[in-house]
């Protein structure tokens, strides 16, 4: 009887973790695709401005060209938020408890 309850609790926790992982991955992909499409359109605009004759004249006086590092900042925010979510759901503690019992 005791082993059945333990397995049920273990599988319930695993199901919750899998759902949480799928939600995190879905949010990651939505945000990543949004930022990547925004970056592509921004770079297209910058490149078209460089190719125009006005862009060439203005580029002489520009100090630098702005190329935002969107991916780096996105991954920093994503890792911080996913770590908060894992801590809030006690996923990390549950994994370490299981290791200690073995």
PDB file of N, CA and C in Angstrom:
ATOM      1  N   UNK A   1       0.816  -1.206   0.000  1.00  0.00           N
ATOM      2  CA  UNK A   1       0.000   0.000   0.000  1.00  0.00           C
ATOM      3  C   UNK A   1       0.858   1.269   0.000  1.00  0.00           C
ATOM      4  N   UNK A   2       1.921   1.236   0.797  1.00  0.00           N
ATOM      5  CA  UNK A   2       2.743   2.438   0.891  1.00  0.00           C
ATOM      6  C   UNK A   2       3.451   2.736  -0.429  1.00  0.00           C
ATOM      7  N   UNK A   3       3.921   1.694  -1.121  1.00  0.00           N
ATOM      8  CA  UNK A   3       4.624   1.912  -2.381  1.00  0.00           C
ATOM      9  C   UNK A   3       3.701   2.476  -3.452  1.00  0.00           C
ATOM     10  N   UNK A   4       2.461   2.051  -3.471  1.00  0.00           N
ATOM     11  CA  UNK A   4       1.520   2.589  -4.464  1.00  0.00           C
ATOM     12  C   UNK A   4       1.286   4.075  -4.250  1.00  0.00           C
ATOM     13  N   UNK A   5       1.156   4.495  -3.003  1.00  0.00           N
ATOM     14  CA  UNK A   5       0.964   5.919  -2.728  1.00  0.00           C
ATOM     15  C   UNK A   5       2.205   6.710  -3.141  1.00  0.00           C
ATOM     16  N   UNK A   6       3.351   6.181  -2.880  1.00  0.00           N
ATOM     17  CA  UNK A   6       4.587   6.875  -3.239  1.00  0.00           C
ATOM     18  C   UNK A   6       4.705   7.010  -4.751  1.00  0.00           C
ATOM     19  N   UNK A   7       4.373   5.940  -5.496  1.00  0.00           N
ATOM     20  CA  UNK A   7       4.431   6.022  -6.954  1.00  0.00           C
ATOM     21  C   UNK A   7       3.424   7.022  -7.491  1.00  0.00           C
ATOM     22  N   UNK A   8       2.228   7.037  -6.886  1.00  0.00           N
ATOM     23  CA  UNK A   8       1.214   7.983  -7.352  1.00  0.00           C
ATOM     24  C   UNK A   8       1.673   9.417  -7.130  1.00  0.00           C
ATOM     25  N   UNK A   9       2.250   9.681  -5.969  1.00  0.00           N
ATOM     26  CA  UNK A   9       2.749  11.028  -5.688  1.00  0.00           C
ATOM     27  C   UNK A   9       3.892  11.366  -6.628  1.00  0.00           C
ATOM     28  N   UNK A  10       4.781  10.402  -6.864  1.00  0.00           N
ATOM     29  CA  UNK A  10       5.918  10.635  -7.765  1.00  0.00           C
ATOM     30  C   UNK A  10       5.436  10.956  -9.170  1.00  0.00           C
ATOM     31  N   UNK A  11       4.472  10.185  -9.682  1.00  0.00           N
ATOM     32  CA  UNK A  11       3.978  10.438 -11.037  1.00  0.00           C
ATOM     33  C   UNK A  11       3.190  11.738 -11.106  1.00  0.00           C
ATOM     34  N   UNK A  12       2.496  12.102 -10.038  1.00  0.00           N
ATOM     35  CA  UNK A  12       1.777  13.384 -10.022  1.00  0.00           C
ATOM     36  C   UNK A  12       2.773  14.533 -10.082  1.00  0.00           C
ATOM     37  N   UNK A  13       3.853  14.419  -9.321  1.00  0.00           N
ATOM     38  CA  UNK A  13       4.876  15.467  -9.356  1.00  0.00           C
ATOM     39  C   UNK A  13       5.549  15.524 -10.726  1.00  0.00           C
ATOM     40  N   UNK A  14       5.793  14.372 -11.324  1.00  0.00           N
ATOM     41  CA  UNK A  14       6.431  14.342 -12.644  1.00  0.00           C
ATOM     42  C   UNK A  14       5.518  14.985 -13.685  1.00  0.00           C
ATOM     43  N   UNK A  15       4.215  14.696 -13.604  1.00  0.00           N
ATOM     44  CA  UNK A  15       3.270  15.286 -14.562  1.00  0.00           C
ATOM     45  C   UNK A  15       3.247  16.800 -14.421  1.00  0.00           C
ATOM     46  N   UNK A  16       3.247  17.294 -13.188  1.00  0.00           N
ATOM     47  CA  UNK A  16       3.253  18.746 -12.973  1.00  0.00           C
ATOM     48  C   UNK A  16       4.532  19.365 -13.520  1.00  0.00           C
ATOM     49  N   UNK A  17       5.657  18.681 -13.347  1.00  0.00           N
ATOM     50  CA  UNK A  17       6.933  19.205 -13.849  1.00  0.00           C
ATOM     51  C   UNK A  17       6.952  19.229 -15.368  1.00  0.00           C
ATOM     52  N   UNK A  18       6.399  18.192 -15.982  1.00  0.00           N
ATOM     53  CA  UNK A  18       6.366  18.148 -17.447  1.00  0.00           C
ATOM     54  C   UNK A  18       5.478  19.263 -17.988  1.00  0.00           C
ATOM     55  N   UNK A  19       4.327  19.484 -17.344  1.00  0.00           N
ATOM     56  CA  UNK A  19       3.452  20.585 -17.767  1.00  0.00           C
ATOM     57  C   UNK A  19       4.172  21.923 -17.630  1.00  0.00           C
ATOM     58  N   UNK A  20       4.859  22.109 -16.506  1.00  0.00           N
ATOM     59  CA  UNK A  20       5.598  23.352 -16.294  1.00  0.00           C
ATOM     60  C   UNK A  20       6.675  23.525 -17.364  1.00  0.00           C
ATOM     61  N   UNK A  21       7.378  22.447 -17.679  1.00  0.00           N
ATOM     62  CA  UNK A  21       8.413  22.513 -18.710  1.00  0.00           C
ATOM     63  C   UNK A  21       7.816  22.881 -20.066  1.00  0.00           C
ATOM     64  N   UNK A  22       6.674  22.279 -20.420  1.00  0.00           N
ATOM     65  CA  UNK A  22       6.037  22.607 -21.692  1.00  0.00           C
ATOM     66  C   UNK A  22       5.592  24.066 -21.733  1.00  0.00           C
ATOM     67  N   UNK A  23       5.084  24.576 -20.617  1.00  0.00           N
ATOM     68  CA  UNK A  23       4.662  25.979 -20.576  1.00  0.00           C
ATOM     69  C   UNK A  23       5.874  26.891 -20.745  1.00  0.00           C
ATOM     70  N   UNK A  24       6.969  26.557 -20.069  1.00  0.00           N
ATOM     71  CA  UNK A  24       8.180  27.374 -20.191  1.00  0.00           C
ATOM     72  C   UNK A  24       8.710  27.343 -21.619  1.00  0.00           C
ATOM     73  N   UNK A  25       8.737  26.162 -22.232  1.00  0.00           N
ATOM     74  CA  UNK A  25       9.226  26.065 -23.611  1.00  0.00           C
ATOM     75  C   UNK A  25       8.327  26.812 -24.589  1.00  0.00           C
ATOM     76  N   UNK A  26       7.005  26.732 -24.357  1.00  0.00           N
ATOM     77  CA  UNK A  26       6.087  27.445 -25.239  1.00  0.00           C
ATOM     78  C   UNK A  26       6.314  28.944 -25.133  1.00  0.00           C
ATOM     79  N   UNK A  27       6.442  29.460 -23.922  1.00  0.00           N
ATOM     80  CA  UNK A  27       6.707  30.894 -23.749  1.00  0.00           C
ATOM     81  C   UNK A  27       8.048  31.288 -24.361  1.00  0.00           C
ATOM     82  N   UNK A  28       9.037  30.431 -24.181  1.00  0.00           N
ATOM     83  CA  UNK A  28      10.363  30.701 -24.756  1.00  0.00           C
ATOM     84  C   UNK A  28      10.274  30.827 -26.272  1.00  0.00           C
ATOM     85  N   UNK A  29       9.602  29.880 -26.916  1.00  0.00           N
ATOM     86  CA  UNK A  29       9.525  29.905 -28.375  1.00  0.00           C
ATOM     87  C   UNK A  29       8.731  31.103 -28.882  1.00  0.00           C
ATOM     88  N   UNK A  30       7.638  31.449 -28.181  1.00  0.00           N
ATOM     89  CA  UNK A  30       6.851  32.609 -28.612  1.00  0.00           C
ATOM     90  C   UNK A  30       7.673  33.889 -28.539  1.00  0.00           C
ATOM     91  N   UNK A  31       8.367  34.089 -27.429  1.00  0.00           N
ATOM     92  CA  UNK A  31       9.150  35.307 -27.256  1.00  0.00           C
ATOM     93  C   UNK A  31      10.356  35.307 -28.190  1.00  0.00           C
ATOM     94  N   UNK A  32      11.015  34.153 -28.316  1.00  0.00           N
ATOM     95  CA  UNK A  32      12.193  34.063 -29.175  1.00  0.00           C
ATOM     96  C   UNK A  32      11.822  34.371 -30.623  1.00  0.00           C
ATOM     97  N   UNK A  33      10.730  33.800 -31.109  1.00  0.00           N
ATOM     98  CA  UNK A  33      10.319  34.064 -32.489  1.00  0.00           C
ATOM     99  C   UNK A  33       9.917  35.523 -32.675  1.00  0.00           C
ATOM    100  N   UNK A  34       9.260  36.101 -31.671  1.00  0.00           N
ATOM    101  CA  UNK A  34       8.868  37.506 -31.764  1.00  0.00           C
ATOM    102  C   UNK A  34      10.102  38.395 -31.871  1.00  0.00           C
ATOM    103  N   UNK A  35      11.095  38.165 -30.991  1.00  0.00           N
ATOM    104  CA  UNK A  35      12.301  38.990 -31.021  1.00  0.00           C
ATOM    105  C   UNK A  35      13.120  38.753 -32.284  1.00  0.00           C
ATOM    106  N   UNK A  36      13.168  37.511 -32.747  1.00  0.00           N
ATOM    107  CA  UNK A  36      13.962  37.251 -33.945  1.00  0.00           C
ATOM    108  C   UNK A  36      13.329  37.910 -35.167  1.00  0.00           C
ATOM    109  N   UNK A  37      11.996  37.881 -35.266  1.00  0.00           N
ATOM    110  CA  UNK A  37      11.345  38.552 -36.392  1.00  0.00           C
ATOM    111  C   UNK A  37      11.506  40.063 -36.295  1.00  0.00           C
ATOM    112  N   UNK A  38      11.457  40.606 -35.088  1.00  0.00           N
ATOM    113  CA  UNK A  38      11.680  42.047 -34.915  1.00  0.00           C
ATOM    114  C   UNK A  38      13.103  42.421 -35.307  1.00  0.00           C
ATOM    115  N   UNK A  39      14.056  41.585 -34.932  1.00  0.00           N
ATOM    116  CA  UNK A  39      15.454  41.870 -35.265  1.00  0.00           C
ATOM    117  C   UNK A  39      15.678  41.813 -36.769  1.00  0.00           C
ATOM    118  N   UNK A  40      15.056  40.850 -37.436  1.00  0.00           N
ATOM    119  CA  UNK A  40      15.215  40.736 -38.885  1.00  0.00           C
ATOM    120  C   UNK A  40      14.667  41.970 -39.579  1.00  0.00           C
ATOM    121  N   UNK A  41      13.491  42.431 -39.142  1.00  0.00           N
ATOM    122  CA  UNK A  41      12.924  43.619 -39.785  1.00  0.00           C
ATOM    123  C   UNK A  41      13.777  44.855 -39.490  1.00  0.00           C
ATOM    124  N   UNK A  42      14.348  44.940 -38.270  1.00  0.00           N
ATOM    125  CA  UNK A  42      15.203  46.074 -37.925  1.00  0.00           C
ATOM    126  C   UNK A  42      16.475  46.069 -38.769  1.00  0.00           C
ATOM    127  N   UNK A  43      17.109  44.910 -38.909  1.00  0.00           N
ATOM    128  CA  UNK A  43      18.333  44.826 -39.701  1.00  0.00           C
ATOM    129  C   UNK A  43      18.053  45.098 -41.180  1.00  0.00           C
ATOM    130  N   UNK A  44      16.894  44.691 -41.667  1.00  0.00           N
ATOM    131  CA  UNK A  44      16.537  44.987 -43.045  1.00  0.00           C
ATOM    132  C   UNK A  44      16.428  46.500 -43.236  1.00  0.00           C
ATOM    133  N   UNK A  45      15.833  47.181 -42.260  1.00  0.00           N
ATOM    134  CA  UNK A  45      15.696  48.627 -42.348  1.00  0.00           C
ATOM    135  C   UNK A  45      17.070  49.298 -42.321  1.00  0.00           C
ATOM    136  N   UNK A  46      17.957  48.831 -41.443  1.00  0.00           N
ATOM    137  CA  UNK A  46      19.299  49.420 -41.356  1.00  0.00           C
ATOM    138  C   UNK A  46      20.064  49.192 -42.648  1.00  0.00           C
ATOM    139  N   UNK A  47      19.983  47.970 -43.194  1.00  0.00           N
ATOM    140  CA  UNK A  47      20.708  47.680 -44.441  1.00  0.00           C
ATOM    141  C   UNK A  47      20.154  48.480 -45.612  1.00  0.00           C
ATOM    142  N   UNK A  48      18.835  48.647 -45.690  1.00  0.00           N
ATOM    143  CA  UNK A  48      18.283  49.432 -46.794  1.00  0.00           C
ATOM    144  C   UNK A  48      18.668  50.895 -46.658  1.00  0.00           C
ATOM    145  N   UNK A  49      18.802  51.392 -45.421  1.00  0.00           N
ATOM    146  CA  UNK A  49      19.225  52.778 -45.224  1.00  0.00           C
ATOM    147  C   UNK A  49      20.685  52.954 -45.645  1.00  0.00           C
ATOM    148  N   UNK A  50      21.507  51.921 -45.438  1.00  0.00           N
ATOM    149  CA  UNK A  50      22.907  52.010 -45.845  1.00  0.00           C
ATOM    150  C   UNK A  50      23.057  52.032 -47.361  1.00  0.00           C
ATOM    151  N   UNK A  51      22.176  51.326 -48.062  1.00  0.00           N
ATOM    152  CA  UNK A  51      22.302  51.221 -49.511  1.00  0.00           C
ATOM    153  C   UNK A  51      21.765  52.444 -50.247  1.00  0.00           C
ATOM    154  N   UNK A  52      20.916  53.214 -49.610  1.00  0.00           N
ATOM    155  CA  UNK A  52      20.378  54.381 -50.307  1.00  0.00           C
ATOM    156  C   UNK A  52      21.435  55.483 -50.382  1.00  0.00           C
ATOM    157  N   UNK A  53      21.237  56.396 -51.302  1.00  0.00           N
ATOM    158  CA  UNK A  53      22.226  57.462 -51.458  1.00  0.00           C
ATOM    159  C   UNK A  53      22.214  58.393 -50.240  1.00  0.00           C
ATOM    160  N   UNK A  54      21.051  58.636 -49.676  1.00  0.00           N
ATOM    161  CA  UNK A  54      20.983  59.468 -48.476  1.00  0.00           C
ATOM    162  C   UNK A  54      21.681  58.761 -47.314  1.00  0.00           C
ATOM    163  N   UNK A  55      21.475  57.447 -47.225  1.00  0.00           N
ATOM    164  CA  UNK A  55      22.127  56.681 -46.164  1.00  0.00           C
ATOM    165  C   UNK A  55      23.636  56.739 -46.276  1.00  0.00           C
ATOM    166  N   UNK A  56      24.146  56.722 -47.503  1.00  0.00           N
ATOM    167  CA  UNK A  56      25.600  56.798 -47.692  1.00  0.00           C
ATOM    168  C   UNK A  56      26.137  58.156 -47.249  1.00  0.00           C
ATOM    169  N   UNK A  57      25.366  59.214 -47.539  1.00  0.00           N
ATOM    170  CA  UNK A  57      25.820  60.546 -47.138  1.00  0.00           C
ATOM    171  C   UNK A  57      25.775  60.703 -45.617  1.00  0.00           C
ATOM    172  N   UNK A  58      24.741  60.167 -44.999  1.00  0.00           N
ATOM    173  CA  UNK A  58      24.601  60.304 -43.548  1.00  0.00           C
ATOM    174  C   UNK A  58      25.610  59.409 -42.830  1.00  0.00           C
ATOM    175  N   UNK A  59      25.943  58.267 -43.422  1.00  0.00           N
ATOM    176  CA  UNK A  59      26.839  57.316 -42.783  1.00  0.00           C
ATOM    177  C   UNK A  59      28.243  57.899 -42.562  1.00  0.00           C
ATOM    178  N   UNK A  60      28.640  58.860 -43.361  1.00  0.00           N
ATOM    179  CA  UNK A  60      29.944  59.492 -43.173  1.00  0.00           C
ATOM    180  C   UNK A  60      30.038  60.147 -41.795  1.00  0.00           C
ATOM    181  N   UNK A  61      28.924  60.697 -41.342  1.00  0.00           N
ATOM    182  CA  UNK A  61      28.928  61.463 -40.101  1.00  0.00           C
ATOM    183  C   UNK A  61      28.455  60.637 -38.905  1.00  0.00           C
ATOM    184  N   UNK A  62      28.075  59.400 -39.132  1.00  0.00           N
ATOM    185  CA  UNK A  62      27.600  58.563 -38.023  1.00  0.00           C
ATOM    186  C   UNK A  62      28.797  58.063 -37.216  1.00  0.00           C
ATOM    187  N   UNK A  63      28.653  58.064 -35.893  1.00  0.00           N
ATOM    188  CA  UNK A  63      29.731  57.584 -35.035  1.00  0.00           C
ATOM    189  C   UNK A  63      29.809  56.066 -35.042  1.00  0.00           C
ATOM    190  N   UNK A  64      28.666  55.419 -35.025  1.00  0.00           N
ATOM    191  CA  UNK A  64      28.621  53.959 -35.054  1.00  0.00           C
ATOM    192  C   UNK A  64      27.257  53.527 -35.575  1.00  0.00           C
ATOM    193  N   UNK A  65      27.183  52.285 -35.951  1.00  0.00           N
ATOM    194  CA  UNK A  65      25.907  51.718 -36.408  1.00  0.00           C
ATOM    195  C   UNK A  65      25.343  50.891 -35.264  1.00  0.00           C
ATOM    196  N   UNK A  66      24.084  51.093 -34.964  1.00  0.00           N
ATOM    197  CA  UNK A  66      23.442  50.412 -33.830  1.00  0.00           C
ATOM    198  C   UNK A  66      22.991  49.015 -34.256  1.00  0.00           C
ATOM    199  N   UNK A  67      23.639  48.008 -33.712  1.00  0.00           N
ATOM    200  CA  UNK A  67      23.218  46.615 -33.907  1.00  0.00           C
ATOM    201  C   UNK A  67      22.871  46.042 -32.538  1.00  0.00           C
ATOM    202  N   UNK A  68      21.592  45.994 -32.188  1.00  0.00           N
ATOM    203  CA  UNK A  68      21.228  45.551 -30.839  1.00  0.00           C
ATOM    204  C   UNK A  68      21.515  44.071 -30.632  1.00  0.00           C
ATOM    205  N   UNK A  69      21.963  43.735 -29.461  1.00  0.00           N
ATOM    206  CA  UNK A  69      22.214  42.346 -29.108  1.00  0.00           C
ATOM    207  C   UNK A  69      20.970  41.810 -28.405  1.00  0.00           C
ATOM    208  N   UNK A  70      19.963  41.495 -29.187  1.00  0.00           N
ATOM    209  CA  UNK A  70      18.675  41.076 -28.643  1.00  0.00           C
ATOM    210  C   UNK A  70      18.766  39.688 -28.038  1.00  0.00           C
ATOM    211  N   UNK A  71      19.488  38.794 -28.689  1.00  0.00           N
ATOM    212  CA  UNK A  71      19.529  37.413 -28.209  1.00  0.00           C
ATOM    213  C   UNK A  71      20.166  37.309 -26.830  1.00  0.00           C
ATOM    214  N   UNK A  72      21.241  38.038 -26.594  1.00  0.00           N
ATOM    215  CA  UNK A  72      21.914  37.969 -25.302  1.00  0.00           C
ATOM    216  C   UNK A  72      20.990  38.428 -24.186  1.00  0.00           C
ATOM    217  N   UNK A  73      20.355  39.579 -24.359  1.00  0.00           N
ATOM    218  CA  UNK A  73      19.459  40.085 -23.320  1.00  0.00           C
ATOM    219  C   UNK A  73      18.243  39.186 -23.153  1.00  0.00           C
ATOM    220  N   UNK A  74      17.744  38.611 -24.256  1.00  0.00           N
ATOM    221  CA  UNK A  74      16.601  37.712 -24.156  1.00  0.00           C
ATOM    222  C   UNK A  74      16.940  36.482 -23.329  1.00  0.00           C
ATOM    223  N   UNK A  75      18.102  35.866 -23.592  1.00  0.00           N
ATOM    224  CA  UNK A  75      18.466  34.670 -22.845  1.00  0.00           C
ATOM    225  C   UNK A  75      18.711  34.972 -21.371  1.00  0.00           C
ATOM    226  N   UNK A  76      19.248  36.148 -21.059  1.00  0.00           N
ATOM    227  CA  UNK A  76      19.433  36.516 -19.660  1.00  0.00           C
ATOM    228  C   UNK A  76      18.096  36.594 -18.937  1.00  0.00           C
ATOM    229  N   UNK A  77      17.127  37.261 -19.548  1.00  0.00           N
ATOM    230  CA  UNK A  77      15.803  37.388 -18.933  1.00  0.00           C
ATOM    231  C   UNK A  77      15.124  36.025 -18.851  1.00  0.00           C
ATOM    232  N   UNK A  78      15.230  35.223 -19.903  1.00  0.00           N
ATOM    233  CA  UNK A  78      14.582  33.916 -19.904  1.00  0.00           C
ATOM    234  C   UNK A  78      15.147  33.008 -18.815  1.00  0.00           C
ATOM    235  N   UNK A  79      16.463  32.988 -18.651  1.00  0.00           N
ATOM    236  CA  UNK A  79      17.063  32.134 -17.630  1.00  0.00           C
ATOM    237  C   UNK A  79      16.687  32.588 -16.226  1.00  0.00           C
ATOM    238  N   UNK A  80      16.626  33.899 -16.000  1.00  0.00           N
ATOM    239  CA  UNK A  80      16.225  34.390 -14.683  1.00  0.00           C
ATOM    240  C   UNK A  80      14.780  34.005 -14.376  1.00  0.00           C
ATOM    241  N   UNK A  81      13.894  34.189 -15.346  1.00  0.00           N
ATOM    242  CA  UNK A  81      12.479  33.878 -15.120  1.00  0.00           C
ATOM    243  C   UNK A  81      12.243  32.380 -14.967  1.00  0.00           C
ATOM    244  N   UNK A  82      12.936  31.567 -15.757  1.00  0.00           N
ATOM    245  CA  UNK A  82      12.755  30.120 -15.635  1.00  0.00           C
ATOM    246  C   UNK A  82      13.306  29.627 -14.295  1.00  0.00           C
ATOM    247  N   UNK A  83      14.392  30.225 -13.801  1.00  0.00           N
ATOM    248  CA  UNK A  83      14.918  29.844 -12.487  1.00  0.00           C
ATOM    249  C   UNK A  83      13.932  30.205 -11.390  1.00  0.00           C
ATOM    250  N   UNK A  84      13.280  31.375 -11.501  1.00  0.00           N
ATOM    251  CA  UNK A  84      12.267  31.759 -10.517  1.00  0.00           C
ATOM    252  C   UNK A  84      11.109  30.776 -10.531  1.00  0.00           C
ATOM    253  N   UNK A  85      10.676  30.383 -11.732  1.00  0.00           N
ATOM    254  CA  UNK A  85       9.562  29.449 -11.846  1.00  0.00           C
ATOM    255  C   UNK A  85       9.911  28.100 -11.238  1.00  0.00           C
ATOM    256  N   UNK A  86      11.113  27.611 -11.501  1.00  0.00           N
ATOM    257  CA  UNK A  86      11.527  26.330 -10.936  1.00  0.00           C
ATOM    258  C   UNK A  86      11.615  26.399  -9.418  1.00  0.00           C
ATOM    259  N   UNK A  87      12.100  27.510  -8.883  1.00  0.00           N
ATOM    260  CA  UNK A  87      12.167  27.649  -7.428  1.00  0.00           C
ATOM    261  C   UNK A  87      10.774  27.749  -6.820  1.00  0.00           C
ATOM    262  N   UNK A  88       9.868  28.486  -7.484  1.00  0.00           N
ATOM    263  CA  UNK A  88       8.502  28.626  -6.965  1.00  0.00           C
ATOM    264  C   UNK A  88       7.761  27.295  -6.951  1.00  0.00           C
ATOM    265  N   UNK A  89       8.012  26.450  -7.925  1.00  0.00           N
ATOM    266  CA  UNK A  89       7.335  25.155  -8.008  1.00  0.00           C
ATOM    267  C   UNK A  89       8.070  24.048  -7.266  1.00  0.00           C
ATOM    268  N   UNK A  90       9.122  24.375  -6.551  1.00  0.00           N
ATOM    269  CA  UNK A  90       9.913  23.415  -5.771  1.00  0.00           C
ATOM    270  C   UNK A  90      10.459  22.279  -6.622  1.00  0.00           C
ATOM    271  N   UNK A  91      10.730  22.528  -7.871  1.00  0.00           N
ATOM    272  CA  UNK A  91      11.261  21.487  -8.748  1.00  0.00           C
ATOM    273  C   UNK A  91      12.685  21.154  -8.347  1.00  0.00           C
ATOM    274  N   UNK A  92      13.467  22.159  -8.055  1.00  0.00           N
ATOM    275  CA  UNK A  92      14.867  21.944  -7.709  1.00  0.00           C
ATOM    276  C   UNK A  92      14.970  21.195  -6.385  1.00  0.00           C
ATOM    277  N   UNK A  93      14.166  21.588  -5.407  1.00  0.00           N
ATOM    278  CA  UNK A  93      14.210  20.925  -4.103  1.00  0.00           C
ATOM    279  C   UNK A  93      13.756  19.481  -4.217  1.00  0.00           C
ATOM    280  N   UNK A  94      12.748  19.235  -5.024  1.00  0.00           N
ATOM    281  CA  UNK A  94      12.246  17.864  -5.175  1.00  0.00           C
ATOM    282  C   UNK A  94      13.313  16.961  -5.793  1.00  0.00           C
ATOM    283  N   UNK A  95      14.040  17.450  -6.753  1.00  0.00           N
ATOM    284  CA  UNK A  95      15.091  16.647  -7.395  1.00  0.00           C
ATOM    285  C   UNK A  95      16.182  16.323  -6.382  1.00  0.00           C
ATOM    286  N   UNK A  96      16.588  17.310  -5.561  1.00  0.00           N
ATOM    287  CA  UNK A  96      17.633  17.055  -4.586  1.00  0.00           C
ATOM    288  C   UNK A  96      17.146  16.126  -3.479  1.00  0.00           C
ATOM    289  N   UNK A  97      15.875  16.212  -3.084  1.00  0.00           N
ATOM    290  CA  UNK A  97      15.341  15.292  -2.083  1.00  0.00           C
ATOM    291  C   UNK A  97      15.388  13.861  -2.594  1.00  0.00           C
ATOM    292  N   UNK A  98      15.060  13.670  -3.856  1.00  0.00           N
ATOM    293  CA  UNK A  98      15.071  12.331  -4.440  1.00  0.00           C
ATOM    294  C   UNK A  98      16.490  11.767  -4.485  1.00  0.00           C
ATOM    295  N   UNK A  99      17.467  12.600  -4.760  1.00  0.00           N
ATOM    296  CA  UNK A  99      18.856  12.148  -4.820  1.00  0.00           C
ATOM    297  C   UNK A  99      19.346  11.752  -3.425  1.00  0.00           C
ATOM    298  N   UNK A 100      18.963  12.516  -2.418  1.00  0.00           N
ATOM    299  CA  UNK A 100      19.399  12.211  -1.050  1.00  0.00           C
ATOM    300  C   UNK A 100      18.822  10.885  -0.562  1.00  0.00           C
ATOM    301  N   UNK A 101      17.580  10.565  -0.943  1.00  0.00           N
ATOM    302  CA  UNK A 101      16.935   9.340  -0.491  1.00  0.00           C
ATOM    303  C   UNK A 101      17.570   8.104  -1.105  1.00  0.00           C
ATOM    304  N   UNK A 102      18.105   8.254  -2.298  1.00  0.00           N
ATOM    305  CA  UNK A 102      18.730   7.100  -2.973  1.00  0.00           C
ATOM    306  C   UNK A 102      20.068   6.860  -2.366  1.00  0.00           C
TER     307      UNK A 102
END
